[in-house]
């Protein structure tokens, strides 16, 4: 049965058994409420998993719930990025919660995690709307840095990206973020390095090269300065710790 035949068959069965998916407009309202940080509206529109409007993504009931929650996390992530949540924060949250979904073994765990995820995202967005957001030029820099940690980065390149002079951008970034651009780049690269040490088999040298450190020795020295231990000790301590839980 090709995909069009399969689609027709599923649509027929859904009509016969009065099965429908969540209303599109209501779904949009829900994600808009979360991305706007509207806690009360999110509570009003929130629907626990397991209703008749939930599509069938797997014959296994538990796996079906997991798939749906992963999709929800993906949609939340993108909605909140559009609402102003820093891209790095949003995608890291997504990774963390998808790993937690994968570890769930009971329906009750999924139900509780679903509520936890929604509450986390909406409260983050609520806090964001109550504080001053970064100017557009700074946001452009933050997003560009996050996407390009594996390439050479410079103040001049970021100034060209934003259309500002390098000295002005440098002052603006430090005023808004609290640290110089060069310091921010180092911290973000070290965060990426920490994740690679935890979750990949890449060597210390390979990580150093990938994240554009001048040398392996400089990477080790800088990593130890910020983390209190060498990359090797860090990996020995945390490598794939999530799998042990």
C-alpha atoms as a PDB file:
ATOM      1  CA  UNK A   1       0.000   0.000   0.000  1.00  0.00           C
ATOM      2  CA  UNK A   2       1.567   3.298  -1.095  1.00  0.00           C
ATOM      3  CA  UNK A   3       1.403   6.461   1.007  1.00  0.00           C
ATOM      4  CA  UNK A   4      -1.697   7.866  -0.724  1.00  0.00           C
ATOM      5  CA  UNK A   5      -3.588   4.603  -0.290  1.00  0.00           C
ATOM      6  CA  UNK A   6      -2.497   4.482   3.336  1.00  0.00           C
ATOM      7  CA  UNK A   7      -3.663   8.070   3.856  1.00  0.00           C
ATOM      8  CA  UNK A   8      -7.077   7.319   2.357  1.00  0.00           C
ATOM      9  CA  UNK A   9      -7.400   4.211   4.511  1.00  0.00           C
ATOM     10  CA  UNK A  10      -6.545   6.076   7.704  1.00  0.00           C
ATOM     11  CA  UNK A  11      -8.948   8.915   6.872  1.00  0.00           C
ATOM     12  CA  UNK A  12     -11.710   6.349   6.267  1.00  0.00           C
ATOM     13  CA  UNK A  13     -11.068   4.629   9.598  1.00  0.00           C
ATOM     14  CA  UNK A  14     -11.002   7.949  11.447  1.00  0.00           C
ATOM     15  CA  UNK A  15     -14.380   8.913   9.955  1.00  0.00           C
ATOM     16  CA  UNK A  16     -15.870   5.510  10.757  1.00  0.00           C
ATOM     17  CA  UNK A  17     -14.728   5.542  14.365  1.00  0.00           C
ATOM     18  CA  UNK A  18     -15.173   9.290  14.874  1.00  0.00           C
ATOM     19  CA  UNK A  19     -11.464   9.819  15.567  1.00  0.00           C
ATOM     20  CA  UNK A  20     -10.127  13.351  15.165  1.00  0.00           C
ATOM     21  CA  UNK A  21      -6.954  15.264  15.922  1.00  0.00           C
ATOM     22  CA  UNK A  22      -6.639  18.304  18.141  1.00  0.00           C
ATOM     23  CA  UNK A  23      -8.240  21.389  16.615  1.00  0.00           C
ATOM     24  CA  UNK A  24      -5.542  23.335  14.748  1.00  0.00           C
ATOM     25  CA  UNK A  25      -6.671  26.738  15.981  1.00  0.00           C
ATOM     26  CA  UNK A  26      -6.768  25.585  19.590  1.00  0.00           C
ATOM     27  CA  UNK A  27      -3.307  24.089  19.215  1.00  0.00           C
ATOM     28  CA  UNK A  28      -2.018  27.401  17.843  1.00  0.00           C
ATOM     29  CA  UNK A  29      -3.653  29.294  20.700  1.00  0.00           C
ATOM     30  CA  UNK A  30      -1.942  27.016  23.187  1.00  0.00           C
ATOM     31  CA  UNK A  31       1.558  27.435  21.741  1.00  0.00           C
ATOM     32  CA  UNK A  32       1.010  31.179  21.360  1.00  0.00           C
ATOM     33  CA  UNK A  33       0.025  31.387  25.037  1.00  0.00           C
ATOM     34  CA  UNK A  34       3.182  29.549  26.078  1.00  0.00           C
ATOM     35  CA  UNK A  35       5.474  31.651  23.868  1.00  0.00           C
ATOM     36  CA  UNK A  36       3.846  34.828  25.208  1.00  0.00           C
ATOM     37  CA  UNK A  37       4.465  33.699  28.789  1.00  0.00           C
ATOM     38  CA  UNK A  38       0.735  33.815  29.528  1.00  0.00           C
ATOM     39  CA  UNK A  39       0.509  31.409  32.457  1.00  0.00           C
ATOM     40  CA  UNK A  40      -3.260  31.636  33.018  1.00  0.00           C
ATOM     41  CA  UNK A  41      -4.127  31.162  29.343  1.00  0.00           C
ATOM     42  CA  UNK A  42      -1.710  28.239  29.122  1.00  0.00           C
ATOM     43  CA  UNK A  43      -3.442  26.590  32.092  1.00  0.00           C
ATOM     44  CA  UNK A  44      -6.842  27.136  30.471  1.00  0.00           C
ATOM     45  CA  UNK A  45      -5.791  25.586  27.172  1.00  0.00           C
ATOM     46  CA  UNK A  46      -3.655  22.794  28.617  1.00  0.00           C
ATOM     47  CA  UNK A  47      -4.898  19.280  27.864  1.00  0.00           C
ATOM     48  CA  UNK A  48      -3.282  16.173  29.384  1.00  0.00           C
ATOM     49  CA  UNK A  49      -2.193  13.431  27.016  1.00  0.00           C
ATOM     50  CA  UNK A  50      -4.405  10.457  26.313  1.00  0.00           C
ATOM     51  CA  UNK A  51      -7.527  12.060  24.858  1.00  0.00           C
ATOM     52  CA  UNK A  52      -9.481  10.840  21.853  1.00  0.00           C
ATOM     53  CA  UNK A  53      -7.987  13.620  19.710  1.00  0.00           C
ATOM     54  CA  UNK A  54      -4.492  12.181  19.977  1.00  0.00           C
ATOM     55  CA  UNK A  55      -3.242  10.679  16.732  1.00  0.00           C
ATOM     56  CA  UNK A  56      -1.866   7.143  16.603  1.00  0.00           C
ATOM     57  CA  UNK A  57       1.881   7.283  15.960  1.00  0.00           C
ATOM     58  CA  UNK A  58       2.675   3.825  17.285  1.00  0.00           C
ATOM     59  CA  UNK A  59       0.824   0.607  18.037  1.00  0.00           C
ATOM     60  CA  UNK A  60       2.575   0.600  21.398  1.00  0.00           C
ATOM     61  CA  UNK A  61       0.590   2.900  23.762  1.00  0.00           C
ATOM     62  CA  UNK A  62       3.635   4.009  25.731  1.00  0.00           C
ATOM     63  CA  UNK A  63       5.697   4.726  22.652  1.00  0.00           C
ATOM     64  CA  UNK A  64       2.746   6.616  21.183  1.00  0.00           C
ATOM     65  CA  UNK A  65       2.742   8.949  24.196  1.00  0.00           C
ATOM     66  CA  UNK A  66       6.511   9.411  23.978  1.00  0.00           C
ATOM     67  CA  UNK A  67       6.339  10.316  20.297  1.00  0.00           C
ATOM     68  CA  UNK A  68       3.598  12.855  20.933  1.00  0.00           C
ATOM     69  CA  UNK A  69       5.511  14.462  23.765  1.00  0.00           C
ATOM     70  CA  UNK A  70       8.657  14.709  21.639  1.00  0.00           C
ATOM     71  CA  UNK A  71       6.628  16.487  18.951  1.00  0.00           C
ATOM     72  CA  UNK A  72       5.210  18.822  21.599  1.00  0.00           C
ATOM     73  CA  UNK A  73       8.715  19.668  22.811  1.00  0.00           C
ATOM     74  CA  UNK A  74       9.841  20.394  19.237  1.00  0.00           C
ATOM     75  CA  UNK A  75       6.894  22.728  18.634  1.00  0.00           C
ATOM     76  CA  UNK A  76       7.355  24.436  22.003  1.00  0.00           C
ATOM     77  CA  UNK A  77      11.032  24.970  21.296  1.00  0.00           C
ATOM     78  CA  UNK A  78      10.393  26.719  18.008  1.00  0.00           C
ATOM     79  CA  UNK A  79       7.477  28.768  19.341  1.00  0.00           C
ATOM     80  CA  UNK A  80       9.542  30.019  22.265  1.00  0.00           C
ATOM     81  CA  UNK A  81      12.539  30.867  20.068  1.00  0.00           C
ATOM     82  CA  UNK A  82      10.201  32.992  17.969  1.00  0.00           C
ATOM     83  CA  UNK A  83       8.941  34.522  21.208  1.00  0.00           C
ATOM     84  CA  UNK A  84      12.440  35.592  22.202  1.00  0.00           C
ATOM     85  CA  UNK A  85      13.889  32.689  24.191  1.00  0.00           C
ATOM     86  CA  UNK A  86      17.608  32.441  23.366  1.00  0.00           C
ATOM     87  CA  UNK A  87      18.122  29.753  20.751  1.00  0.00           C
ATOM     88  CA  UNK A  88      20.828  28.013  22.750  1.00  0.00           C
ATOM     89  CA  UNK A  89      18.649  27.809  25.855  1.00  0.00           C
ATOM     90  CA  UNK A  90      15.676  26.544  23.872  1.00  0.00           C
ATOM     91  CA  UNK A  91      17.562  23.794  22.056  1.00  0.00           C
ATOM     92  CA  UNK A  92      19.399  22.681  25.190  1.00  0.00           C
ATOM     93  CA  UNK A  93      16.065  22.428  27.029  1.00  0.00           C
ATOM     94  CA  UNK A  94      14.713  20.416  24.116  1.00  0.00           C
ATOM     95  CA  UNK A  95      17.637  17.980  24.286  1.00  0.00           C
ATOM     96  CA  UNK A  96      17.303  17.583  28.052  1.00  0.00           C
ATOM     97  CA  UNK A  97      13.573  16.912  27.948  1.00  0.00           C
ATOM     98  CA  UNK A  98      13.744  14.514  24.997  1.00  0.00           C
ATOM     99  CA  UNK A  99      16.304  12.482  26.944  1.00  0.00           C
ATOM    100  CA  UNK A 100      13.916  12.452  29.918  1.00  0.00           C
ATOM    101  CA  UNK A 101      11.045  11.366  27.651  1.00  0.00           C
ATOM    102  CA  UNK A 102      13.176   8.518  26.339  1.00  0.00           C
ATOM    103  CA  UNK A 103      13.766   7.355  29.920  1.00  0.00           C
ATOM    104  CA  UNK A 104      10.042   7.240  30.793  1.00  0.00           C
ATOM    105  CA  UNK A 105       8.599   3.768  31.259  1.00  0.00           C
ATOM    106  CA  UNK A 106       5.086   4.457  32.602  1.00  0.00           C
ATOM    107  CA  UNK A 107       2.151   6.544  31.419  1.00  0.00           C
ATOM    108  CA  UNK A 108       2.160   8.382  34.750  1.00  0.00           C
ATOM    109  CA  UNK A 109       5.764   9.446  34.126  1.00  0.00           C
ATOM    110  CA  UNK A 110       4.863  10.876  30.724  1.00  0.00           C
ATOM    111  CA  UNK A 111       1.836  12.702  32.143  1.00  0.00           C
ATOM    112  CA  UNK A 112       3.898  14.291  34.909  1.00  0.00           C
ATOM    113  CA  UNK A 113       6.737  15.179  32.549  1.00  0.00           C
ATOM    114  CA  UNK A 114       4.298  16.727  30.054  1.00  0.00           C
ATOM    115  CA  UNK A 115       3.041  19.121  32.722  1.00  0.00           C
ATOM    116  CA  UNK A 116       6.601  19.842  33.923  1.00  0.00           C
ATOM    117  CA  UNK A 117       7.736  20.731  30.401  1.00  0.00           C
ATOM    118  CA  UNK A 118       4.817  23.090  29.763  1.00  0.00           C
ATOM    119  CA  UNK A 119       5.265  24.820  33.111  1.00  0.00           C
ATOM    120  CA  UNK A 120       9.000  25.214  32.556  1.00  0.00           C
ATOM    121  CA  UNK A 121       8.645  26.794  29.117  1.00  0.00           C
ATOM    122  CA  UNK A 122       5.766  29.128  30.019  1.00  0.00           C
ATOM    123  CA  UNK A 123       7.465  30.357  33.199  1.00  0.00           C
ATOM    124  CA  UNK A 124      10.695  30.993  31.309  1.00  0.00           C
ATOM    125  CA  UNK A 125       8.779  32.990  28.717  1.00  0.00           C
ATOM    126  CA  UNK A 126       6.900  34.840  31.451  1.00  0.00           C
ATOM    127  CA  UNK A 127      10.184  35.854  33.090  1.00  0.00           C
ATOM    128  CA  UNK A 128      11.530  36.895  29.718  1.00  0.00           C
ATOM    129  CA  UNK A 129       8.595  39.183  29.000  1.00  0.00           C
ATOM    130  CA  UNK A 130       9.029  40.864  32.393  1.00  0.00           C
ATOM    131  CA  UNK A 131      12.681  41.699  31.787  1.00  0.00           C
ATOM    132  CA  UNK A 132      14.335  43.783  29.135  1.00  0.00           C
ATOM    133  CA  UNK A 133      15.222  41.807  26.062  1.00  0.00           C
ATOM    134  CA  UNK A 134      18.507  42.316  24.328  1.00  0.00           C
ATOM    135  CA  UNK A 135      18.711  44.845  21.487  1.00  0.00           C
ATOM    136  CA  UNK A 136      18.429  43.300  18.041  1.00  0.00           C
ATOM    137  CA  UNK A 137      22.163  43.665  17.354  1.00  0.00           C
ATOM    138  CA  UNK A 138      23.073  41.734  20.502  1.00  0.00           C
ATOM    139  CA  UNK A 139      20.508  39.019  19.750  1.00  0.00           C
ATOM    140  CA  UNK A 140      21.979  38.648  16.255  1.00  0.00           C
ATOM    141  CA  UNK A 141      25.423  38.201  17.807  1.00  0.00           C
ATOM    142  CA  UNK A 142      24.212  35.620  20.330  1.00  0.00           C
ATOM    143  CA  UNK A 143      22.492  33.552  17.657  1.00  0.00           C
ATOM    144  CA  UNK A 144      25.422  33.801  15.240  1.00  0.00           C
ATOM    145  CA  UNK A 145      27.917  32.777  17.903  1.00  0.00           C
ATOM    146  CA  UNK A 146      25.770  29.793  18.900  1.00  0.00           C
ATOM    147  CA  UNK A 147      25.521  28.621  15.278  1.00  0.00           C
ATOM    148  CA  UNK A 148      29.208  29.131  14.511  1.00  0.00           C
ATOM    149  CA  UNK A 149      31.200  27.927  17.518  1.00  0.00           C
ATOM    150  CA  UNK A 150      33.051  25.592  15.164  1.00  0.00           C
ATOM    151  CA  UNK A 151      34.271  28.425  12.918  1.00  0.00           C
ATOM    152  CA  UNK A 152      36.627  31.361  13.566  1.00  0.00           C
ATOM    153  CA  UNK A 153      34.739  34.235  15.216  1.00  0.00           C
ATOM    154  CA  UNK A 154      35.801  37.838  15.519  1.00  0.00           C
ATOM    155  CA  UNK A 155      34.436  41.169  16.679  1.00  0.00           C
ATOM    156  CA  UNK A 156      34.909  42.491  13.147  1.00  0.00           C
ATOM    157  CA  UNK A 157      32.763  39.710  11.671  1.00  0.00           C
ATOM    158  CA  UNK A 158      30.005  40.357  14.202  1.00  0.00           C
ATOM    159  CA  UNK A 159      30.196  44.093  13.582  1.00  0.00           C
ATOM    160  CA  UNK A 160      29.758  43.445   9.850  1.00  0.00           C
ATOM    161  CA  UNK A 161      26.788  41.187  10.617  1.00  0.00           C
ATOM    162  CA  UNK A 162      25.028  43.847  12.700  1.00  0.00           C
ATOM    163  CA  UNK A 163      25.993  46.873  10.639  1.00  0.00           C
ATOM    164  CA  UNK A 164      27.611  48.547  13.653  1.00  0.00           C
ATOM    165  CA  UNK A 165      31.162  49.687  14.207  1.00  0.00           C
ATOM    166  CA  UNK A 166      33.347  47.223  16.117  1.00  0.00           C
ATOM    167  CA  UNK A 167      34.023  49.589  19.064  1.00  0.00           C
ATOM    168  CA  UNK A 168      30.336  50.442  19.465  1.00  0.00           C
ATOM    169  CA  UNK A 169      29.236  46.805  19.241  1.00  0.00           C
ATOM    170  CA  UNK A 170      31.878  45.828  21.793  1.00  0.00           C
ATOM    171  CA  UNK A 171      30.597  48.415  24.284  1.00  0.00           C
ATOM    172  CA  UNK A 172      26.945  47.535  23.624  1.00  0.00           C
ATOM    173  CA  UNK A 173      27.494  43.797  24.029  1.00  0.00           C
ATOM    174  CA  UNK A 174      29.363  44.181  27.311  1.00  0.00           C
ATOM    175  CA  UNK A 175      26.714  46.560  28.654  1.00  0.00           C
ATOM    176  CA  UNK A 176      23.840  44.188  27.799  1.00  0.00           C
ATOM    177  CA  UNK A 177      25.410  40.771  28.449  1.00  0.00           C
ATOM    178  CA  UNK A 178      27.799  41.758  31.209  1.00  0.00           C
ATOM    179  CA  UNK A 179      30.994  40.335  29.695  1.00  0.00           C
ATOM    180  CA  UNK A 180      33.084  41.107  26.586  1.00  0.00           C
ATOM    181  CA  UNK A 181      32.288  39.305  23.340  1.00  0.00           C
ATOM    182  CA  UNK A 182      35.592  37.395  23.450  1.00  0.00           C
ATOM    183  CA  UNK A 183      34.815  36.109  26.943  1.00  0.00           C
ATOM    184  CA  UNK A 184      31.297  35.087  25.897  1.00  0.00           C
ATOM    185  CA  UNK A 185      32.636  33.130  22.918  1.00  0.00           C
ATOM    186  CA  UNK A 186      35.119  31.259  25.120  1.00  0.00           C
ATOM    187  CA  UNK A 187      32.391  30.348  27.621  1.00  0.00           C
ATOM    188  CA  UNK A 188      30.054  29.087  24.920  1.00  0.00           C
ATOM    189  CA  UNK A 189      32.819  27.033  23.333  1.00  0.00           C
ATOM    190  CA  UNK A 190      33.663  25.510  26.701  1.00  0.00           C
ATOM    191  CA  UNK A 191      29.989  24.649  27.250  1.00  0.00           C
ATOM    192  CA  UNK A 192      29.965  22.921  23.865  1.00  0.00           C
ATOM    193  CA  UNK A 193      33.203  21.150  24.762  1.00  0.00           C
ATOM    194  CA  UNK A 194      31.667  19.914  28.010  1.00  0.00           C
ATOM    195  CA  UNK A 195      28.735  18.405  26.103  1.00  0.00           C
ATOM    196  CA  UNK A 196      31.077  16.747  23.618  1.00  0.00           C
ATOM    197  CA  UNK A 197      33.131  15.276  26.460  1.00  0.00           C
ATOM    198  CA  UNK A 198      29.949  13.968  28.088  1.00  0.00           C
ATOM    199  CA  UNK A 199      28.152  12.554  25.082  1.00  0.00           C
ATOM    200  CA  UNK A 200      30.681  11.790  22.321  1.00  0.00           C
ATOM    201  CA  UNK A 201      33.807   9.724  21.861  1.00  0.00           C
ATOM    202  CA  UNK A 202      35.702  12.607  20.231  1.00  0.00           C
ATOM    203  CA  UNK A 203      39.256  13.018  21.474  1.00  0.00           C
ATOM    204  CA  UNK A 204      40.375  16.086  23.393  1.00  0.00           C
ATOM    205  CA  UNK A 205      42.438  17.149  20.387  1.00  0.00           C
ATOM    206  CA  UNK A 206      39.498  16.714  18.014  1.00  0.00           C
ATOM    207  CA  UNK A 207      37.245  18.783  20.295  1.00  0.00           C
ATOM    208  CA  UNK A 208      39.903  21.474  20.580  1.00  0.00           C
ATOM    209  CA  UNK A 209      40.283  21.661  16.790  1.00  0.00           C
ATOM    210  CA  UNK A 210      36.535  21.553  16.134  1.00  0.00           C
ATOM    211  CA  UNK A 211      35.848  24.450  18.499  1.00  0.00           C
ATOM    212  CA  UNK A 212      38.701  26.553  17.089  1.00  0.00           C
ATOM    213  CA  UNK A 213      41.005  26.715  20.100  1.00  0.00           C
ATOM    214  CA  UNK A 214      44.529  27.766  19.125  1.00  0.00           C
ATOM    215  CA  UNK A 215      46.051  24.523  20.393  1.00  0.00           C
ATOM    216  CA  UNK A 216      45.222  21.470  22.447  1.00  0.00           C
ATOM    217  CA  UNK A 217      47.325  22.754  25.346  1.00  0.00           C
ATOM    218  CA  UNK A 218      45.532  26.104  25.333  1.00  0.00           C
ATOM    219  CA  UNK A 219      42.174  24.303  25.304  1.00  0.00           C
ATOM    220  CA  UNK A 220      43.179  22.131  28.278  1.00  0.00           C
ATOM    221  CA  UNK A 221      44.491  25.153  30.185  1.00  0.00           C
ATOM    222  CA  UNK A 222      41.334  27.199  29.500  1.00  0.00           C
ATOM    223  CA  UNK A 223      38.994  24.314  30.270  1.00  0.00           C
ATOM    224  CA  UNK A 224      40.698  23.723  33.615  1.00  0.00           C
ATOM    225  CA  UNK A 225      40.511  27.427  34.463  1.00  0.00           C
ATOM    226  CA  UNK A 226      36.723  27.523  33.997  1.00  0.00           C
ATOM    227  CA  UNK A 227      35.773  24.020  35.143  1.00  0.00           C
ATOM    228  CA  UNK A 228      38.315  23.282  37.822  1.00  0.00           C
ATOM    229  CA  UNK A 229      39.586  20.120  36.125  1.00  0.00           C
ATOM    230  CA  UNK A 230      41.142  18.991  32.860  1.00  0.00           C
ATOM    231  CA  UNK A 231      39.003  17.697  29.972  1.00  0.00           C
ATOM    232  CA  UNK A 232      40.204  14.143  30.701  1.00  0.00           C
ATOM    233  CA  UNK A 233      39.140  14.301  34.342  1.00  0.00           C
ATOM    234  CA  UNK A 234      35.820  15.853  33.307  1.00  0.00           C
ATOM    235  CA  UNK A 235      35.154  13.056  30.821  1.00  0.00           C
ATOM    236  CA  UNK A 236      36.090  10.362  33.323  1.00  0.00           C
ATOM    237  CA  UNK A 237      33.643  11.918  35.769  1.00  0.00           C
ATOM    238  CA  UNK A 238      30.671  12.618  33.513  1.00  0.00           C
ATOM    239  CA  UNK A 239      30.937  10.578  30.290  1.00  0.00           C
ATOM    240  CA  UNK A 240      27.430   9.511  29.287  1.00  0.00           C
ATOM    241  CA  UNK A 241      26.295   9.811  32.869  1.00  0.00           C
ATOM    242  CA  UNK A 242      22.743  10.059  31.606  1.00  0.00           C
ATOM    243  CA  UNK A 243      22.877   6.404  30.543  1.00  0.00           C
ATOM    244  CA  UNK A 244      23.673   5.301  34.054  1.00  0.00           C
ATOM    245  CA  UNK A 245      20.486   6.728  35.470  1.00  0.00           C
END
